[in-house]
N, C-alpha and C. Protein backbone atom coordinates (compact mmCIF):
# COMPACT_ATOMS: atom_id res chain seq x y z
N UNK A 1 -11.36 -22.37 -1.28
CA UNK A 1 -10.85 -22.07 -2.59
C UNK A 1 -11.98 -21.89 -3.59
N UNK A 2 -13.10 -22.56 -3.36
CA UNK A 2 -14.24 -22.44 -4.27
C UNK A 2 -14.77 -21.01 -4.27
N UNK A 3 -14.82 -20.41 -3.10
CA UNK A 3 -15.29 -19.02 -3.00
C UNK A 3 -14.36 -18.09 -3.77
N UNK A 4 -13.06 -18.32 -3.65
CA UNK A 4 -12.10 -17.49 -4.37
C UNK A 4 -12.26 -17.63 -5.88
N UNK A 5 -12.52 -18.84 -6.34
CA UNK A 5 -12.75 -19.09 -7.76
C UNK A 5 -13.99 -18.34 -8.25
N UNK A 6 -15.02 -18.26 -7.41
CA UNK A 6 -16.23 -17.53 -7.78
C UNK A 6 -16.00 -16.02 -7.75
N UNK A 7 -15.13 -15.59 -6.85
CA UNK A 7 -14.87 -14.15 -6.68
C UNK A 7 -13.96 -13.58 -7.76
N UNK A 8 -13.05 -14.41 -8.28
CA UNK A 8 -12.02 -13.93 -9.20
C UNK A 8 -12.58 -13.17 -10.41
N UNK A 9 -13.62 -13.66 -11.09
CA UNK A 9 -14.13 -12.89 -12.23
C UNK A 9 -14.61 -11.48 -11.83
N UNK A 10 -15.09 -11.33 -10.61
CA UNK A 10 -15.58 -10.03 -10.15
C UNK A 10 -14.44 -9.02 -9.98
N UNK A 11 -13.24 -9.52 -9.69
CA UNK A 11 -12.10 -8.63 -9.49
C UNK A 11 -11.78 -7.87 -10.76
N UNK A 12 -12.04 -8.47 -11.90
CA UNK A 12 -11.73 -7.84 -13.18
C UNK A 12 -12.95 -7.25 -13.87
N UNK A 13 -14.10 -7.32 -13.21
CA UNK A 13 -15.29 -6.70 -13.79
C UNK A 13 -15.88 -5.70 -12.80
N UNK A 14 -16.74 -6.14 -11.90
CA UNK A 14 -17.39 -5.20 -10.98
C UNK A 14 -16.42 -4.58 -9.96
N UNK A 15 -15.43 -5.32 -9.52
CA UNK A 15 -14.49 -4.83 -8.50
C UNK A 15 -13.16 -4.41 -9.12
N UNK A 16 -13.19 -3.94 -10.36
CA UNK A 16 -11.97 -3.60 -11.10
C UNK A 16 -11.12 -2.57 -10.37
N UNK A 17 -11.75 -1.62 -9.70
CA UNK A 17 -11.02 -0.56 -9.00
C UNK A 17 -10.15 -1.12 -7.88
N UNK A 18 -10.59 -2.22 -7.25
CA UNK A 18 -9.78 -2.87 -6.22
C UNK A 18 -8.58 -3.57 -6.88
N UNK A 19 -8.81 -4.17 -8.03
CA UNK A 19 -7.72 -4.80 -8.77
C UNK A 19 -6.67 -3.78 -9.20
N UNK A 20 -7.12 -2.63 -9.69
CA UNK A 20 -6.20 -1.56 -10.09
C UNK A 20 -5.42 -1.07 -8.87
N UNK A 21 -6.12 -0.90 -7.75
CA UNK A 21 -5.48 -0.46 -6.51
C UNK A 21 -4.43 -1.47 -6.05
N UNK A 22 -4.73 -2.76 -6.23
CA UNK A 22 -3.78 -3.81 -5.85
C UNK A 22 -2.52 -3.74 -6.73
N UNK A 23 -2.69 -3.50 -8.01
CA UNK A 23 -1.53 -3.38 -8.90
C UNK A 23 -0.69 -2.17 -8.50
N UNK A 24 -1.33 -1.05 -8.24
CA UNK A 24 -0.59 0.15 -7.82
C UNK A 24 0.13 -0.09 -6.49
N UNK A 25 -0.50 -0.80 -5.58
CA UNK A 25 0.11 -1.10 -4.29
C UNK A 25 1.30 -2.05 -4.47
N UNK A 26 1.18 -3.00 -5.38
CA UNK A 26 2.29 -3.91 -5.66
C UNK A 26 3.49 -3.14 -6.23
N UNK A 27 3.22 -2.19 -7.11
CA UNK A 27 4.30 -1.36 -7.66
C UNK A 27 4.97 -0.57 -6.54
N UNK A 28 4.16 0.01 -5.65
CA UNK A 28 4.71 0.75 -4.51
C UNK A 28 5.53 -0.16 -3.60
N UNK A 29 5.08 -1.39 -3.42
CA UNK A 29 5.82 -2.37 -2.62
C UNK A 29 7.23 -2.56 -3.17
N UNK A 30 7.32 -2.83 -4.48
CA UNK A 30 8.63 -3.07 -5.08
C UNK A 30 9.49 -1.81 -5.10
N UNK A 31 8.90 -0.66 -5.35
CA UNK A 31 9.66 0.59 -5.33
C UNK A 31 10.19 0.89 -3.93
N UNK A 32 9.37 0.67 -2.93
CA UNK A 32 9.78 0.92 -1.55
C UNK A 32 10.90 -0.03 -1.15
N UNK A 33 10.77 -1.27 -1.55
CA UNK A 33 11.82 -2.24 -1.24
C UNK A 33 13.14 -1.87 -1.90
N UNK A 34 13.09 -1.46 -3.15
CA UNK A 34 14.30 -1.05 -3.88
C UNK A 34 14.91 0.20 -3.26
N UNK A 35 14.07 1.17 -2.93
CA UNK A 35 14.57 2.42 -2.35
C UNK A 35 15.17 2.16 -0.98
N UNK A 36 14.62 1.23 -0.21
CA UNK A 36 15.19 0.88 1.09
C UNK A 36 16.60 0.35 0.91
N UNK A 37 16.79 -0.51 -0.08
CA UNK A 37 18.13 -1.06 -0.35
C UNK A 37 19.08 0.04 -0.80
N UNK A 38 18.60 0.97 -1.61
CA UNK A 38 19.44 2.07 -2.09
C UNK A 38 19.93 2.95 -0.93
N UNK A 39 19.02 3.29 -0.03
CA UNK A 39 19.40 4.13 1.11
C UNK A 39 20.30 3.35 2.05
N UNK A 40 20.06 2.06 2.18
CA UNK A 40 20.93 1.21 3.00
C UNK A 40 22.36 1.23 2.46
N UNK A 41 22.50 1.15 1.15
CA UNK A 41 23.83 1.20 0.53
C UNK A 41 24.50 2.55 0.79
N UNK A 42 23.73 3.63 0.72
CA UNK A 42 24.28 4.95 1.02
C UNK A 42 24.71 5.05 2.48
N UNK A 43 23.97 4.40 3.37
CA UNK A 43 24.32 4.39 4.79
C UNK A 43 25.67 3.71 5.02
N UNK A 44 25.95 2.70 4.22
CA UNK A 44 27.20 1.95 4.40
C UNK A 44 28.39 2.65 3.77
N UNK A 45 28.14 3.67 2.96
CA UNK A 45 29.22 4.40 2.31
C UNK A 45 29.37 5.77 2.98
N UNK A 46 30.36 5.94 3.86
CA UNK A 46 30.51 7.21 4.59
C UNK A 46 30.87 8.39 3.67
N UNK A 47 31.28 8.10 2.45
CA UNK A 47 31.66 9.16 1.51
C UNK A 47 30.48 9.63 0.66
N UNK A 48 29.27 9.20 0.97
CA UNK A 48 28.10 9.56 0.18
C UNK A 48 27.86 11.06 0.21
N UNK A 49 27.42 11.57 -0.92
CA UNK A 49 27.06 12.98 -1.03
C UNK A 49 25.83 13.24 -0.13
N UNK A 50 25.95 14.19 0.77
CA UNK A 50 24.89 14.46 1.74
C UNK A 50 23.59 14.88 1.06
N UNK A 51 23.69 15.64 -0.02
CA UNK A 51 22.50 16.10 -0.72
C UNK A 51 21.75 14.92 -1.34
N UNK A 52 22.49 14.03 -2.00
CA UNK A 52 21.86 12.84 -2.59
C UNK A 52 21.29 11.94 -1.50
N UNK A 53 22.03 11.79 -0.41
CA UNK A 53 21.59 10.98 0.72
C UNK A 53 20.26 11.51 1.26
N UNK A 54 20.18 12.81 1.43
CA UNK A 54 18.96 13.44 1.96
C UNK A 54 17.79 13.25 0.99
N UNK A 55 18.04 13.40 -0.31
CA UNK A 55 16.99 13.23 -1.31
C UNK A 55 16.48 11.79 -1.34
N UNK A 56 17.41 10.83 -1.31
CA UNK A 56 17.02 9.42 -1.33
C UNK A 56 16.24 9.05 -0.08
N UNK A 57 16.66 9.58 1.06
CA UNK A 57 15.95 9.31 2.30
C UNK A 57 14.53 9.88 2.24
N UNK A 58 14.40 11.09 1.70
CA UNK A 58 13.08 11.71 1.57
C UNK A 58 12.18 10.89 0.63
N UNK A 59 12.76 10.40 -0.47
CA UNK A 59 11.99 9.56 -1.39
C UNK A 59 11.52 8.28 -0.69
N UNK A 60 12.41 7.67 0.06
CA UNK A 60 12.04 6.46 0.79
C UNK A 60 10.92 6.76 1.79
N UNK A 61 11.06 7.83 2.52
CA UNK A 61 10.05 8.21 3.49
C UNK A 61 8.69 8.40 2.82
N UNK A 62 8.68 9.09 1.69
CA UNK A 62 7.44 9.34 0.96
C UNK A 62 6.86 8.03 0.41
N UNK A 63 7.70 7.22 -0.23
CA UNK A 63 7.23 5.95 -0.78
C UNK A 63 6.65 5.04 0.29
N UNK A 64 7.36 4.93 1.41
CA UNK A 64 6.89 4.05 2.47
C UNK A 64 5.57 4.55 3.05
N UNK A 65 5.46 5.84 3.21
CA UNK A 65 4.22 6.43 3.72
C UNK A 65 3.05 6.19 2.76
N UNK A 66 3.28 6.39 1.48
CA UNK A 66 2.22 6.16 0.49
C UNK A 66 1.86 4.67 0.43
N UNK A 67 2.87 3.81 0.47
CA UNK A 67 2.62 2.36 0.45
C UNK A 67 1.74 1.94 1.63
N UNK A 68 2.08 2.36 2.83
CA UNK A 68 1.28 1.95 4.00
C UNK A 68 -0.12 2.58 3.96
N UNK A 69 -0.22 3.77 3.39
CA UNK A 69 -1.54 4.39 3.25
C UNK A 69 -2.39 3.61 2.26
N UNK A 70 -1.79 3.20 1.15
CA UNK A 70 -2.53 2.40 0.17
C UNK A 70 -3.06 1.12 0.80
N UNK A 71 -2.24 0.48 1.64
CA UNK A 71 -2.68 -0.75 2.31
C UNK A 71 -3.91 -0.47 3.17
N UNK A 72 -3.88 0.62 3.91
CA UNK A 72 -4.98 0.91 4.83
C UNK A 72 -6.27 1.30 4.10
N UNK A 73 -6.17 1.65 2.83
CA UNK A 73 -7.36 2.07 2.08
C UNK A 73 -8.13 0.88 1.49
N UNK A 74 -7.51 -0.29 1.39
CA UNK A 74 -8.20 -1.45 0.81
C UNK A 74 -9.56 -1.74 1.45
N UNK A 75 -9.66 -1.80 2.79
CA UNK A 75 -11.00 -2.06 3.36
C UNK A 75 -12.02 -0.97 2.99
N UNK A 76 -11.55 0.25 2.81
CA UNK A 76 -12.47 1.32 2.40
C UNK A 76 -12.98 1.10 0.99
N UNK A 77 -12.09 0.63 0.09
CA UNK A 77 -12.55 0.29 -1.26
C UNK A 77 -13.57 -0.84 -1.19
N UNK A 78 -13.33 -1.81 -0.31
CA UNK A 78 -14.28 -2.90 -0.15
C UNK A 78 -15.64 -2.40 0.31
N UNK A 79 -15.64 -1.50 1.28
CA UNK A 79 -16.92 -0.94 1.75
C UNK A 79 -17.58 -0.10 0.67
N UNK A 80 -16.79 0.63 -0.11
CA UNK A 80 -17.33 1.42 -1.21
C UNK A 80 -18.05 0.51 -2.20
N UNK A 81 -17.41 -0.60 -2.58
CA UNK A 81 -18.05 -1.55 -3.49
C UNK A 81 -19.31 -2.15 -2.91
N UNK A 82 -19.28 -2.42 -1.62
CA UNK A 82 -20.46 -2.98 -0.95
C UNK A 82 -21.61 -1.99 -1.00
N UNK A 83 -21.34 -0.76 -0.64
CA UNK A 83 -22.39 0.27 -0.62
C UNK A 83 -22.94 0.52 -2.02
N UNK A 84 -22.06 0.67 -3.02
CA UNK A 84 -22.57 0.94 -4.37
C UNK A 84 -23.37 -0.24 -4.91
N UNK A 85 -22.97 -1.47 -4.59
CA UNK A 85 -23.75 -2.64 -5.04
C UNK A 85 -25.10 -2.70 -4.35
N UNK A 86 -25.12 -2.42 -3.06
CA UNK A 86 -26.39 -2.47 -2.33
C UNK A 86 -27.31 -1.32 -2.74
N UNK A 87 -26.74 -0.19 -3.10
CA UNK A 87 -27.57 0.92 -3.57
C UNK A 87 -28.22 0.60 -4.91
N UNK A 88 -27.60 -0.29 -5.66
CA UNK A 88 -28.15 -0.68 -6.95
C UNK A 88 -29.22 -1.76 -6.88
N UNK A 89 -29.54 -2.21 -5.68
CA UNK A 89 -30.55 -3.26 -5.54
C UNK A 89 -31.93 -2.74 -5.90
N UNK A 90 -32.65 -3.54 -6.66
CA UNK A 90 -34.05 -3.25 -6.96
C UNK A 90 -34.88 -4.40 -6.40
N UNK A 91 -35.40 -4.21 -5.22
CA UNK A 91 -36.09 -5.28 -4.50
C UNK A 91 -37.44 -5.63 -5.14
N UNK A 92 -37.93 -4.78 -6.05
CA UNK A 92 -39.23 -5.05 -6.65
C UNK A 92 -39.13 -5.90 -7.91
N UNK A 93 -37.89 -6.12 -8.38
CA UNK A 93 -37.72 -6.84 -9.64
C UNK A 93 -37.35 -8.29 -9.45
N UNK A 94 -36.61 -8.77 -10.42
CA UNK A 94 -36.17 -10.16 -10.48
C UNK A 94 -35.19 -10.46 -9.34
N UNK A 95 -35.43 -11.55 -8.64
CA UNK A 95 -34.59 -11.91 -7.50
C UNK A 95 -33.18 -12.32 -7.92
N UNK A 96 -32.98 -12.76 -9.15
CA UNK A 96 -31.62 -13.12 -9.58
C UNK A 96 -30.74 -11.88 -9.65
N UNK A 97 -31.31 -10.75 -10.00
CA UNK A 97 -30.54 -9.49 -10.00
C UNK A 97 -30.18 -9.08 -8.58
N UNK A 98 -31.09 -9.30 -7.66
CA UNK A 98 -30.83 -9.00 -6.25
C UNK A 98 -29.69 -9.88 -5.75
N UNK A 99 -29.73 -11.16 -6.08
CA UNK A 99 -28.67 -12.08 -5.65
C UNK A 99 -27.32 -11.68 -6.25
N UNK A 100 -27.32 -11.30 -7.52
CA UNK A 100 -26.08 -10.91 -8.18
C UNK A 100 -25.49 -9.65 -7.53
N UNK A 101 -26.32 -8.65 -7.28
CA UNK A 101 -25.83 -7.43 -6.62
C UNK A 101 -25.33 -7.72 -5.20
N UNK A 102 -26.03 -8.59 -4.51
CA UNK A 102 -25.63 -8.92 -3.15
C UNK A 102 -24.28 -9.66 -3.17
N UNK A 103 -24.09 -10.58 -4.14
CA UNK A 103 -22.83 -11.29 -4.25
C UNK A 103 -21.70 -10.30 -4.58
N UNK A 104 -21.96 -9.36 -5.46
CA UNK A 104 -20.97 -8.34 -5.80
C UNK A 104 -20.61 -7.51 -4.57
N UNK A 105 -21.60 -7.19 -3.77
CA UNK A 105 -21.34 -6.44 -2.54
C UNK A 105 -20.41 -7.22 -1.62
N UNK A 106 -20.65 -8.50 -1.49
CA UNK A 106 -19.80 -9.32 -0.63
C UNK A 106 -18.41 -9.51 -1.20
N UNK A 107 -18.28 -9.66 -2.52
CA UNK A 107 -16.95 -9.83 -3.11
C UNK A 107 -16.11 -8.57 -2.93
N UNK A 108 -16.73 -7.41 -3.03
CA UNK A 108 -16.00 -6.16 -2.81
C UNK A 108 -15.41 -6.12 -1.41
N UNK A 109 -16.22 -6.45 -0.45
CA UNK A 109 -15.75 -6.47 0.93
C UNK A 109 -14.62 -7.49 1.10
N UNK A 110 -14.82 -8.66 0.54
CA UNK A 110 -13.82 -9.72 0.68
C UNK A 110 -12.50 -9.33 0.02
N UNK A 111 -12.54 -8.79 -1.18
CA UNK A 111 -11.30 -8.37 -1.86
C UNK A 111 -10.58 -7.30 -1.06
N UNK A 112 -11.32 -6.34 -0.53
CA UNK A 112 -10.70 -5.30 0.27
C UNK A 112 -9.97 -5.86 1.48
N UNK A 113 -10.61 -6.79 2.15
CA UNK A 113 -10.00 -7.41 3.34
C UNK A 113 -8.81 -8.29 2.95
N UNK A 114 -8.97 -9.11 1.91
CA UNK A 114 -7.89 -10.01 1.49
C UNK A 114 -6.64 -9.25 1.05
N UNK A 115 -6.83 -8.22 0.26
CA UNK A 115 -5.66 -7.45 -0.19
C UNK A 115 -5.01 -6.69 0.97
N UNK A 116 -5.82 -6.17 1.88
CA UNK A 116 -5.25 -5.48 3.04
C UNK A 116 -4.40 -6.44 3.86
N UNK A 117 -4.91 -7.62 4.11
CA UNK A 117 -4.17 -8.62 4.88
C UNK A 117 -2.90 -9.03 4.14
N UNK A 118 -3.03 -9.32 2.86
CA UNK A 118 -1.88 -9.76 2.07
C UNK A 118 -0.76 -8.73 2.05
N UNK A 119 -1.10 -7.48 1.79
CA UNK A 119 -0.07 -6.45 1.72
C UNK A 119 0.47 -6.10 3.11
N UNK A 120 -0.35 -6.23 4.14
CA UNK A 120 0.15 -6.02 5.50
C UNK A 120 1.22 -7.06 5.84
N UNK A 121 0.97 -8.30 5.44
CA UNK A 121 1.94 -9.37 5.68
C UNK A 121 3.22 -9.11 4.89
N UNK A 122 3.09 -8.74 3.61
CA UNK A 122 4.27 -8.41 2.80
C UNK A 122 5.06 -7.27 3.42
N UNK A 123 4.34 -6.27 3.91
CA UNK A 123 5.00 -5.13 4.56
C UNK A 123 5.76 -5.59 5.79
N UNK A 124 5.12 -6.40 6.60
CA UNK A 124 5.76 -6.87 7.84
C UNK A 124 6.99 -7.72 7.57
N UNK A 125 6.93 -8.57 6.56
CA UNK A 125 8.04 -9.48 6.29
C UNK A 125 9.17 -8.82 5.51
N UNK A 126 8.83 -8.06 4.48
CA UNK A 126 9.85 -7.61 3.54
C UNK A 126 10.22 -6.13 3.58
N UNK A 127 9.37 -5.29 4.14
CA UNK A 127 9.63 -3.85 4.03
C UNK A 127 9.66 -3.14 5.37
N UNK A 128 8.58 -3.23 6.12
CA UNK A 128 8.32 -2.41 7.29
C UNK A 128 9.46 -2.16 8.24
N UNK A 129 9.91 -3.18 8.93
CA UNK A 129 10.94 -2.97 9.95
C UNK A 129 12.24 -2.49 9.32
N UNK A 130 12.55 -3.01 8.15
CA UNK A 130 13.77 -2.61 7.46
C UNK A 130 13.72 -1.14 7.04
N UNK A 131 12.62 -0.73 6.43
CA UNK A 131 12.49 0.67 6.00
C UNK A 131 12.50 1.61 7.21
N UNK A 132 11.81 1.24 8.26
CA UNK A 132 11.78 2.09 9.45
C UNK A 132 13.16 2.21 10.08
N UNK A 133 13.91 1.11 10.11
CA UNK A 133 15.26 1.14 10.66
C UNK A 133 16.17 2.02 9.81
N UNK A 134 16.08 1.89 8.50
CA UNK A 134 16.90 2.71 7.59
C UNK A 134 16.53 4.18 7.73
N UNK A 135 15.24 4.48 7.83
CA UNK A 135 14.82 5.87 8.00
C UNK A 135 15.33 6.45 9.32
N UNK A 136 15.28 5.63 10.37
CA UNK A 136 15.75 6.10 11.68
C UNK A 136 17.26 6.35 11.66
N UNK A 137 18.03 5.40 11.15
CA UNK A 137 19.49 5.56 11.09
C UNK A 137 19.88 6.75 10.22
N UNK A 138 19.25 6.86 9.07
CA UNK A 138 19.59 7.96 8.17
C UNK A 138 19.18 9.30 8.77
N UNK A 139 18.09 9.33 9.51
CA UNK A 139 17.69 10.55 10.19
C UNK A 139 18.71 11.00 11.23
N UNK A 140 19.26 10.03 11.97
CA UNK A 140 20.29 10.36 12.96
C UNK A 140 21.55 10.89 12.28
N UNK A 141 21.93 10.30 11.16
CA UNK A 141 23.12 10.76 10.43
C UNK A 141 22.91 12.18 9.91
N UNK A 142 21.74 12.42 9.34
CA UNK A 142 21.46 13.77 8.84
C UNK A 142 21.44 14.80 9.97
N UNK A 143 20.87 14.41 11.09
CA UNK A 143 20.83 15.30 12.25
C UNK A 143 22.24 15.66 12.71
N UNK A 144 23.13 14.67 12.75
CA UNK A 144 24.53 14.93 13.14
C UNK A 144 25.22 15.89 12.17
N UNK A 145 24.97 15.72 10.88
CA UNK A 145 25.61 16.57 9.88
C UNK A 145 25.01 17.98 9.85
N UNK A 146 23.75 18.09 10.15
CA UNK A 146 23.09 19.40 10.10
C UNK A 146 23.28 20.19 11.38
N UNK A 147 23.51 19.51 12.51
CA UNK A 147 23.65 20.17 13.80
C UNK A 147 24.80 21.17 13.82
N UNK A 148 26.02 20.82 13.35
CA UNK A 148 27.10 21.82 13.36
C UNK A 148 26.79 23.05 12.51
N UNK A 149 26.06 22.85 11.40
CA UNK A 149 25.69 23.98 10.55
C UNK A 149 24.71 24.91 11.24
N UNK A 150 23.80 24.36 12.03
CA UNK A 150 22.82 25.17 12.77
C UNK A 150 23.51 25.97 13.87
N UNK A 151 24.50 25.35 14.51
CA UNK A 151 25.20 26.02 15.62
C UNK A 151 26.00 27.22 15.12
N UNK A 152 26.48 27.18 13.87
CA UNK A 152 27.22 28.31 13.31
C UNK A 152 26.33 29.50 13.03
N UNK A 153 25.07 29.24 12.77
CA UNK A 153 24.13 30.33 12.47
C UNK A 153 23.85 31.07 13.73
């Protein structure tokens, strides 16, 4: 916990881009979860408008894809912060500046890994399997409805 306490100020200063990415990913998490529930409700209502159903399913597919992509980018942001901090090292100057840049490099890597793990767990528990199941079921329903129309052509 002591390391986390030391790292926290860096999240809002040197590693701000990872913090912003985490906020955007959290928003995507909640939107994806809400959209999954919306499409699930449409699945349970056989009288749903097919056009709205298809649009909602497409939105869910897009949101879920963007959400999982955002999760996978966290380690890359961590490496980016590490590289930019290490590139800023001036080995000929004051050693305290070297230590500070090196610590910033390590915090970037750590934040990238921590957020990736955290959002992966949230995805696994609250979104992933449910969204994939809803997308699969809704895809089968759409396929059934579109198949007779294709056969007429």
